[in-house]
Amino acid sequence: MVNPPQGVEVTILGTKYTVVSDRDEEYLRELARYLDDKLSRVVAGRNIPLLQCAVLTALNIADELFDERGRRVDLLRQIEERSSELIGLLEDEKRPSTEGDTAD
């Protein structure tokens, strides 16, 4: 069930943000931790502007998304192929056998 919008305080790169959403509080915190981790990896040991860090992090996350979409498409294709094979086998089993029948 959808919760009414609520404010959830999260910390990303040391800055506190209040996120208002109808999503579950723990889910929002998990998203914030994920983003904080990704941003921290880009920033690590570098002195780069926050905007540049955000853009590089967004590119990394977009790359992950596209990889996952590609995997999903591949899995769906494999499922379709295997389903077709199984349907073919089942249809073959349903057909009456003509082996051993002889015409006199």
C-alpha atoms as a PDB file:
ATOM      1  CA  MET A   1       0.000   0.000   0.000  1.00  0.00           C
ATOM      2  CA  VAL A   2       1.246   3.513  -0.778  1.00  0.00           C
ATOM      3  CA  ASN A   3       2.140   5.621   2.226  1.00  0.00           C
ATOM      4  CA  PRO A   4       1.283   9.328   2.368  1.00  0.00           C
ATOM      5  CA  PRO A   5       4.248  11.552   1.456  1.00  0.00           C
ATOM      6  CA  GLN A   6       6.636  11.988   4.348  1.00  0.00           C
ATOM      7  CA  GLY A   7       9.886  13.800   4.972  1.00  0.00           C
ATOM      8  CA  VAL A   8      12.905  11.550   5.457  1.00  0.00           C
ATOM      9  CA  GLU A   9      16.234  13.058   6.439  1.00  0.00           C
ATOM     10  CA  VAL A  10      19.231  11.545   4.640  1.00  0.00           C
ATOM     11  CA  THR A  11      22.897  12.479   4.490  1.00  0.00           C
ATOM     12  CA  ILE A  12      24.775  12.512   1.198  1.00  0.00           C
ATOM     13  CA  LEU A  13      28.439  13.569   1.115  1.00  0.00           C
ATOM     14  CA  GLY A  14      28.051  15.072   4.572  1.00  0.00           C
ATOM     15  CA  THR A  15      25.077  17.248   3.650  1.00  0.00           C
ATOM     16  CA  LYS A  16      21.649  16.574   5.130  1.00  0.00           C
ATOM     17  CA  TYR A  17      18.658  16.515   2.811  1.00  0.00           C
ATOM     18  CA  THR A  18      14.965  16.037   3.513  1.00  0.00           C
ATOM     19  CA  VAL A  19      13.381  13.834   0.892  1.00  0.00           C
ATOM     20  CA  VAL A  20       9.588  13.921   0.626  1.00  0.00           C
ATOM     21  CA  SER A  21       8.146  10.822  -0.970  1.00  0.00           C
ATOM     22  CA  ASP A  22       5.404   8.254  -0.644  1.00  0.00           C
ATOM     23  CA  ARG A  23       8.079   5.539  -0.771  1.00  0.00           C
ATOM     24  CA  ASP A  24       9.071   3.555   2.300  1.00  0.00           C
ATOM     25  CA  GLU A  25      11.477   5.369   4.627  1.00  0.00           C
ATOM     26  CA  GLU A  26      14.001   2.508   4.678  1.00  0.00           C
ATOM     27  CA  TYR A  27      13.952   2.337   0.886  1.00  0.00           C
ATOM     28  CA  LEU A  28      14.744   6.061   0.675  1.00  0.00           C
ATOM     29  CA  ARG A  29      17.579   5.651   3.167  1.00  0.00           C
ATOM     30  CA  GLU A  30      18.939   2.753   1.120  1.00  0.00           C
ATOM     31  CA  LEU A  31      18.849   4.895  -2.032  1.00  0.00           C
ATOM     32  CA  ALA A  32      20.658   7.692  -0.213  1.00  0.00           C
ATOM     33  CA  ARG A  33      23.341   5.294   1.073  1.00  0.00           C
ATOM     34  CA  TYR A  34      23.801   3.929  -2.444  1.00  0.00           C
ATOM     35  CA  LEU A  35      24.157   7.411  -3.906  1.00  0.00           C
ATOM     36  CA  ASP A  36      26.464   8.524  -1.094  1.00  0.00           C
ATOM     37  CA  ASP A  37      28.692   5.503  -1.734  1.00  0.00           C
ATOM     38  CA  LYS A  38      28.802   6.140  -5.483  1.00  0.00           C
ATOM     39  CA  LEU A  39      29.565   9.841  -5.004  1.00  0.00           C
ATOM     40  CA  SER A  40      32.227   9.065  -2.402  1.00  0.00           C
ATOM     41  CA  ARG A  41      33.986   6.714  -4.811  1.00  0.00           C
ATOM     42  CA  VAL A  42      34.128   9.426  -7.479  1.00  0.00           C
ATOM     43  CA  VAL A  43      35.331  12.063  -4.995  1.00  0.00           C
ATOM     44  CA  ALA A  44      37.883   9.793  -3.250  1.00  0.00           C
ATOM     45  CA  GLY A  45      41.242  11.532  -3.145  1.00  0.00           C
ATOM     46  CA  ARG A  46      40.228  14.166  -5.668  1.00  0.00           C
ATOM     47  CA  ASN A  47      39.426  17.807  -5.292  1.00  0.00           C
ATOM     48  CA  ILE A  48      36.702  18.172  -7.906  1.00  0.00           C
ATOM     49  CA  PRO A  49      33.654  20.431  -7.932  1.00  0.00           C
ATOM     50  CA  LEU A  50      30.420  18.890  -6.667  1.00  0.00           C
ATOM     51  CA  LEU A  51      28.673  19.350 -10.023  1.00  0.00           C
ATOM     52  CA  GLN A  52      31.432  17.467 -11.840  1.00  0.00           C
ATOM     53  CA  CYS A  53      31.265  14.745  -9.199  1.00  0.00           C
ATOM     54  CA  ALA A  54      27.483  14.508  -9.614  1.00  0.00           C
ATOM     55  CA  VAL A  55      27.745  14.279 -13.420  1.00  0.00           C
ATOM     56  CA  LEU A  56      30.423  11.560 -13.280  1.00  0.00           C
ATOM     57  CA  THR A  57      28.392   9.645 -10.706  1.00  0.00           C
ATOM     58  CA  ALA A  58      25.269   9.965 -12.849  1.00  0.00           C
ATOM     59  CA  LEU A  59      27.208   8.548 -15.815  1.00  0.00           C
ATOM     60  CA  ASN A  60      28.373   5.608 -13.696  1.00  0.00           C
ATOM     61  CA  ILE A  61      24.826   4.889 -12.513  1.00  0.00           C
ATOM     62  CA  ALA A  62      23.474   5.242 -16.078  1.00  0.00           C
ATOM     63  CA  ASP A  63      26.117   2.731 -17.202  1.00  0.00           C
ATOM     64  CA  GLU A  64      24.940   0.281 -14.528  1.00  0.00           C
ATOM     65  CA  LEU A  65      21.326   0.802 -15.612  1.00  0.00           C
ATOM     66  CA  PHE A  66      22.099   0.157 -19.280  1.00  0.00           C
ATOM     67  CA  ASP A  67      24.093  -2.985 -18.386  1.00  0.00           C
ATOM     68  CA  GLU A  68      21.167  -4.300 -16.330  1.00  0.00           C
ATOM     69  CA  ARG A  69      18.709  -3.512 -19.127  1.00  0.00           C
ATOM     70  CA  GLY A  70      20.917  -5.445 -21.559  1.00  0.00           C
ATOM     71  CA  ARG A  71      21.039  -8.426 -19.186  1.00  0.00           C
ATOM     72  CA  ARG A  72      17.264  -8.282 -18.809  1.00  0.00           C
ATOM     73  CA  VAL A  73      16.751  -8.301 -22.576  1.00  0.00           C
ATOM     74  CA  ASP A  74      19.142 -11.268 -22.902  1.00  0.00           C
ATOM     75  CA  LEU A  75      17.345 -13.186 -20.151  1.00  0.00           C
ATOM     76  CA  LEU A  76      13.936 -12.506 -21.701  1.00  0.00           C
ATOM     77  CA  ARG A  77      15.232 -13.731 -25.060  1.00  0.00           C
ATOM     78  CA  GLN A  78      16.556 -16.928 -23.442  1.00  0.00           C
ATOM     79  CA  ILE A  79      13.245 -17.464 -21.640  1.00  0.00           C
ATOM     80  CA  GLU A  80      11.337 -17.033 -24.911  1.00  0.00           C
ATOM     81  CA  GLU A  81      13.627 -19.474 -26.732  1.00  0.00           C
ATOM     82  CA  ARG A  82      13.392 -22.109 -24.003  1.00  0.00           C
ATOM     83  CA  SER A  83       9.638 -21.652 -23.696  1.00  0.00           C
ATOM     84  CA  SER A  84       9.253 -22.203 -27.435  1.00  0.00           C
ATOM     85  CA  GLU A  85      11.384 -25.356 -27.207  1.00  0.00           C
ATOM     86  CA  LEU A  86       9.303 -26.688 -24.314  1.00  0.00           C
ATOM     87  CA  ILE A  87       6.039 -25.899 -26.100  1.00  0.00           C
ATOM     88  CA  GLY A  88       7.336 -27.770 -29.125  1.00  0.00           C
ATOM     89  CA  LEU A  89       8.228 -30.801 -26.988  1.00  0.00           C
ATOM     90  CA  LEU A  90       4.823 -30.760 -25.307  1.00  0.00           C
ATOM     91  CA  GLU A  91       3.032 -30.512 -28.638  1.00  0.00           C
ATOM     92  CA  ASP A  92       5.085 -33.439 -29.952  1.00  0.00           C
ATOM     93  CA  GLU A  93       4.016 -35.508 -26.934  1.00  0.00           C
ATOM     94  CA  LYS A  94       0.332 -34.703 -27.519  1.00  0.00           C
ATOM     95  CA  ARG A  95       0.390 -35.987 -31.108  1.00  0.00           C
ATOM     96  CA  PRO A  96      -0.723 -39.603 -31.469  1.00  0.00           C
ATOM     97  CA  SER A  97       2.150 -41.923 -32.244  1.00  0.00           C
ATOM     98  CA  THR A  98       2.098 -43.666 -35.619  1.00  0.00           C
ATOM     99  CA  GLU A  99       5.025 -45.960 -34.811  1.00  0.00           C
ATOM    100  CA  GLY A 100       4.210 -49.611 -35.091  1.00  0.00           C
ATOM    101  CA  ASP A 101       1.102 -48.946 -37.159  1.00  0.00           C
ATOM    102  CA  THR A 102       1.179 -50.941 -40.354  1.00  0.00           C
ATOM    103  CA  ALA A 103      -1.084 -50.624 -43.316  1.00  0.00           C
ATOM    104  CA  ASP A 104      -2.229 -53.998 -44.665  1.00  0.00           C
END
